[in-house]
């Protein structure tokens, strides 16, 4: 059995994690700024809708996400790890 080096294994975890974190923080900042400073129709509705979606447990979305990733041919790739759920 052949083992990968520690650097290779570390990069396989670090790259998707950092990329996902940067993308998530970027969109969270944009969304927060829009709700804090923006004036648009149905602002309260969209805010409550966003909070309601965040309250849905991941376990209830896991199987539909798996089916979606399977249909899109994204299984065994880094794309679902980077773009998240």
N, C-alpha and C. Protein backbone atom coordinates (compact mmCIF):
# COMPACT_ATOMS: atom_id res chain seq x y z
N UNK A 1 0.84 -1.17 0.00
CA UNK A 1 0.00 0.00 0.00
C UNK A 1 0.89 1.23 0.00
N UNK A 2 0.55 2.16 -0.86
CA UNK A 2 1.35 3.38 -1.00
C UNK A 2 0.61 4.55 -0.36
N UNK A 3 1.31 5.34 0.41
CA UNK A 3 0.72 6.47 1.12
C UNK A 3 1.15 7.78 0.47
N UNK A 4 0.25 8.76 0.48
CA UNK A 4 0.59 10.09 0.01
C UNK A 4 1.37 10.82 1.09
N UNK A 5 2.13 11.83 0.68
CA UNK A 5 2.88 12.60 1.66
C UNK A 5 1.91 13.48 2.46
N UNK A 6 2.37 13.94 3.60
CA UNK A 6 1.53 14.76 4.47
C UNK A 6 1.15 16.07 3.79
N UNK A 7 2.05 16.63 2.98
CA UNK A 7 1.76 17.88 2.29
C UNK A 7 0.65 17.72 1.27
N UNK A 8 0.65 16.59 0.56
CA UNK A 8 -0.41 16.34 -0.42
C UNK A 8 -1.76 16.20 0.25
N UNK A 9 -1.80 15.43 1.32
CA UNK A 9 -3.05 15.23 2.05
C UNK A 9 -3.53 16.55 2.64
N UNK A 10 -2.63 17.33 3.19
CA UNK A 10 -2.99 18.62 3.78
C UNK A 10 -3.57 19.56 2.72
N UNK A 11 -2.96 19.60 1.55
CA UNK A 11 -3.46 20.47 0.48
C UNK A 11 -4.83 20.03 -0.01
N UNK A 12 -5.10 18.73 0.02
CA UNK A 12 -6.41 18.24 -0.40
C UNK A 12 -7.51 18.72 0.53
N UNK A 13 -7.18 19.01 1.76
CA UNK A 13 -8.17 19.51 2.71
C UNK A 13 -8.16 21.03 2.81
N UNK A 14 -7.00 21.63 2.72
CA UNK A 14 -6.86 23.08 2.90
C UNK A 14 -7.49 23.86 1.74
N UNK A 15 -7.22 23.46 0.51
CA UNK A 15 -7.68 24.22 -0.65
C UNK A 15 -9.20 24.32 -0.71
N UNK A 16 -9.95 23.20 -0.63
CA UNK A 16 -11.42 23.36 -0.65
C UNK A 16 -11.96 24.10 0.56
N UNK A 17 -11.36 23.90 1.72
CA UNK A 17 -11.85 24.56 2.93
C UNK A 17 -11.66 26.07 2.86
N UNK A 18 -10.49 26.51 2.47
CA UNK A 18 -10.22 27.95 2.38
C UNK A 18 -11.07 28.58 1.29
N UNK A 19 -11.18 27.91 0.14
CA UNK A 19 -11.99 28.46 -0.95
C UNK A 19 -13.45 28.58 -0.55
N UNK A 20 -14.00 27.55 0.08
CA UNK A 20 -15.39 27.59 0.53
C UNK A 20 -15.60 28.69 1.57
N UNK A 21 -14.67 28.84 2.48
CA UNK A 21 -14.79 29.87 3.51
C UNK A 21 -14.76 31.27 2.91
N UNK A 22 -13.86 31.51 1.98
CA UNK A 22 -13.75 32.83 1.35
C UNK A 22 -15.02 33.16 0.58
N UNK A 23 -15.53 32.20 -0.19
CA UNK A 23 -16.76 32.43 -0.95
C UNK A 23 -17.93 32.69 -0.01
N UNK A 24 -18.05 31.90 1.05
CA UNK A 24 -19.16 32.06 2.00
C UNK A 24 -19.11 33.41 2.70
N UNK A 25 -17.95 33.81 3.16
CA UNK A 25 -17.81 35.09 3.85
C UNK A 25 -18.11 36.25 2.90
N UNK A 26 -17.64 36.14 1.65
CA UNK A 26 -17.89 37.19 0.67
C UNK A 26 -19.38 37.40 0.45
N UNK A 27 -20.12 36.31 0.20
CA UNK A 27 -21.55 36.46 -0.05
C UNK A 27 -22.31 36.84 1.21
N UNK A 28 -21.87 36.40 2.37
CA UNK A 28 -22.52 36.81 3.61
C UNK A 28 -22.33 38.31 3.85
N UNK A 29 -21.15 38.83 3.55
CA UNK A 29 -20.92 40.27 3.69
C UNK A 29 -21.78 41.07 2.72
N UNK A 30 -21.90 40.60 1.47
CA UNK A 30 -22.73 41.29 0.50
C UNK A 30 -24.20 41.28 0.92
N UNK A 31 -24.66 40.14 1.40
CA UNK A 31 -26.05 40.03 1.84
C UNK A 31 -26.31 40.90 3.07
N UNK A 32 -25.40 40.88 4.02
CA UNK A 32 -25.54 41.71 5.21
C UNK A 32 -25.55 43.19 4.89
N UNK A 33 -24.69 43.60 3.97
CA UNK A 33 -24.65 45.00 3.58
C UNK A 33 -25.95 45.41 2.89
N UNK A 34 -26.47 44.52 2.04
CA UNK A 34 -27.72 44.83 1.34
C UNK A 34 -28.87 44.99 2.32
N UNK A 35 -28.94 44.12 3.32
CA UNK A 35 -30.03 44.23 4.29
C UNK A 35 -29.83 45.41 5.24
N UNK A 36 -28.60 45.79 5.51
CA UNK A 36 -28.35 46.88 6.44
C UNK A 36 -28.55 48.25 5.78
N UNK A 37 -28.05 48.41 4.57
CA UNK A 37 -28.05 49.73 3.94
C UNK A 37 -29.05 49.87 2.80
N UNK A 38 -29.47 48.76 2.21
CA UNK A 38 -30.31 48.83 1.03
C UNK A 38 -31.76 49.16 1.36
N UNK A 39 -32.40 49.78 0.41
CA UNK A 39 -33.82 50.07 0.52
C UNK A 39 -34.47 49.45 -0.71
N UNK A 40 -35.17 48.36 -0.51
CA UNK A 40 -35.81 47.68 -1.63
C UNK A 40 -37.13 47.07 -1.16
N UNK A 41 -37.97 46.73 -2.14
CA UNK A 41 -39.29 46.21 -1.83
C UNK A 41 -39.19 44.86 -1.13
N UNK A 42 -40.10 44.63 -0.21
CA UNK A 42 -40.21 43.36 0.51
C UNK A 42 -38.92 43.00 1.25
N UNK A 43 -38.25 44.01 1.76
CA UNK A 43 -36.99 43.78 2.49
C UNK A 43 -37.21 42.88 3.70
N UNK A 44 -38.25 43.14 4.48
CA UNK A 44 -38.53 42.31 5.66
C UNK A 44 -38.89 40.88 5.26
N UNK A 45 -39.66 40.72 4.17
CA UNK A 45 -40.01 39.38 3.70
C UNK A 45 -38.76 38.59 3.33
N UNK A 46 -37.86 39.20 2.57
CA UNK A 46 -36.64 38.48 2.15
C UNK A 46 -35.73 38.18 3.33
N UNK A 47 -35.70 39.06 4.30
CA UNK A 47 -34.89 38.80 5.49
C UNK A 47 -35.44 37.62 6.27
N UNK A 48 -36.74 37.59 6.48
CA UNK A 48 -37.36 36.47 7.19
C UNK A 48 -37.22 35.19 6.38
N UNK A 49 -37.36 35.27 5.07
CA UNK A 49 -37.20 34.10 4.21
C UNK A 49 -35.78 33.54 4.32
N UNK A 50 -34.78 34.43 4.32
CA UNK A 50 -33.40 34.00 4.44
C UNK A 50 -33.16 33.32 5.79
N UNK A 51 -33.70 33.88 6.86
CA UNK A 51 -33.56 33.26 8.18
C UNK A 51 -34.25 31.90 8.23
N UNK A 52 -35.42 31.80 7.61
CA UNK A 52 -36.15 30.52 7.61
C UNK A 52 -35.37 29.45 6.85
N UNK A 53 -34.76 29.82 5.75
CA UNK A 53 -33.97 28.84 4.98
C UNK A 53 -32.74 28.40 5.78
N UNK A 54 -32.14 29.32 6.52
CA UNK A 54 -30.98 28.97 7.33
C UNK A 54 -31.34 28.04 8.48
N UNK A 55 -32.61 28.03 8.89
CA UNK A 55 -33.04 27.18 10.00
C UNK A 55 -33.34 25.75 9.58
N UNK A 56 -33.39 25.48 8.28
CA UNK A 56 -33.63 24.11 7.82
C UNK A 56 -32.39 23.28 8.11
N UNK A 57 -32.52 22.17 8.83
CA UNK A 57 -31.34 21.37 9.15
C UNK A 57 -30.70 20.77 7.90
N UNK A 58 -29.39 20.66 7.94
CA UNK A 58 -28.66 20.12 6.78
C UNK A 58 -29.06 18.68 6.48
N UNK A 59 -29.40 17.93 7.51
CA UNK A 59 -29.75 16.53 7.31
C UNK A 59 -30.96 16.38 6.39
N UNK A 60 -31.87 17.33 6.40
CA UNK A 60 -33.04 17.24 5.53
C UNK A 60 -32.71 17.63 4.09
N UNK A 61 -31.57 18.27 3.86
CA UNK A 61 -31.15 18.66 2.52
C UNK A 61 -30.08 17.75 1.94
N UNK A 62 -29.55 16.82 2.75
CA UNK A 62 -28.40 16.03 2.34
C UNK A 62 -28.71 15.11 1.16
N UNK A 63 -29.78 14.34 1.22
CA UNK A 63 -30.10 13.39 0.15
C UNK A 63 -30.49 14.12 -1.14
N UNK A 64 -31.34 15.16 -1.10
CA UNK A 64 -31.58 15.88 -2.36
C UNK A 64 -30.31 16.49 -2.96
N UNK A 65 -29.40 16.97 -2.12
CA UNK A 65 -28.14 17.50 -2.65
C UNK A 65 -27.31 16.40 -3.29
N UNK A 66 -27.28 15.22 -2.68
CA UNK A 66 -26.54 14.10 -3.26
C UNK A 66 -27.11 13.74 -4.63
N UNK A 67 -28.42 13.68 -4.73
CA UNK A 67 -29.06 13.35 -6.02
C UNK A 67 -28.75 14.43 -7.05
N UNK A 68 -28.79 15.68 -6.62
CA UNK A 68 -28.47 16.79 -7.53
C UNK A 68 -27.03 16.69 -8.01
N UNK A 69 -26.10 16.48 -7.10
CA UNK A 69 -24.69 16.37 -7.49
C UNK A 69 -24.46 15.16 -8.39
N UNK A 70 -25.18 14.07 -8.15
CA UNK A 70 -25.06 12.88 -8.99
C UNK A 70 -25.56 13.17 -10.40
N UNK A 71 -26.70 13.85 -10.52
CA UNK A 71 -27.26 14.18 -11.84
C UNK A 71 -26.37 15.15 -12.60
N UNK A 72 -25.70 16.03 -11.90
CA UNK A 72 -24.81 16.99 -12.55
C UNK A 72 -23.41 16.45 -12.80
N UNK A 73 -23.15 15.19 -12.39
CA UNK A 73 -21.83 14.59 -12.59
C UNK A 73 -20.75 15.19 -11.71
N UNK A 74 -21.13 15.61 -10.53
CA UNK A 74 -20.17 16.26 -9.64
C UNK A 74 -19.67 15.35 -8.52
N UNK A 75 -20.07 14.07 -8.53
CA UNK A 75 -19.57 13.17 -7.49
C UNK A 75 -18.08 12.90 -7.71
N UNK A 76 -17.36 12.69 -6.63
CA UNK A 76 -15.91 12.44 -6.66
C UNK A 76 -15.12 13.59 -7.27
N UNK A 77 -15.60 14.81 -7.07
CA UNK A 77 -14.86 16.01 -7.48
C UNK A 77 -14.83 16.98 -6.30
N UNK A 78 -14.05 18.03 -6.45
CA UNK A 78 -13.96 19.05 -5.40
C UNK A 78 -15.06 20.10 -5.50
N UNK A 79 -15.81 20.12 -6.59
CA UNK A 79 -16.82 21.16 -6.79
C UNK A 79 -17.86 21.22 -5.67
N UNK A 80 -18.45 20.09 -5.25
CA UNK A 80 -19.42 20.20 -4.14
C UNK A 80 -18.79 20.69 -2.83
N UNK A 81 -17.52 20.36 -2.62
CA UNK A 81 -16.85 20.83 -1.41
C UNK A 81 -16.59 22.33 -1.45
N UNK A 82 -16.27 22.83 -2.63
CA UNK A 82 -15.94 24.25 -2.76
C UNK A 82 -17.21 25.10 -2.75
N UNK A 83 -18.21 24.70 -3.54
CA UNK A 83 -19.42 25.52 -3.65
C UNK A 83 -20.42 25.24 -2.56
N UNK A 84 -20.27 24.18 -1.84
CA UNK A 84 -21.09 23.92 -0.67
C UNK A 84 -22.53 23.60 -0.99
N UNK A 85 -23.32 23.73 0.06
CA UNK A 85 -24.73 23.35 -0.10
C UNK A 85 -25.58 24.60 -0.12
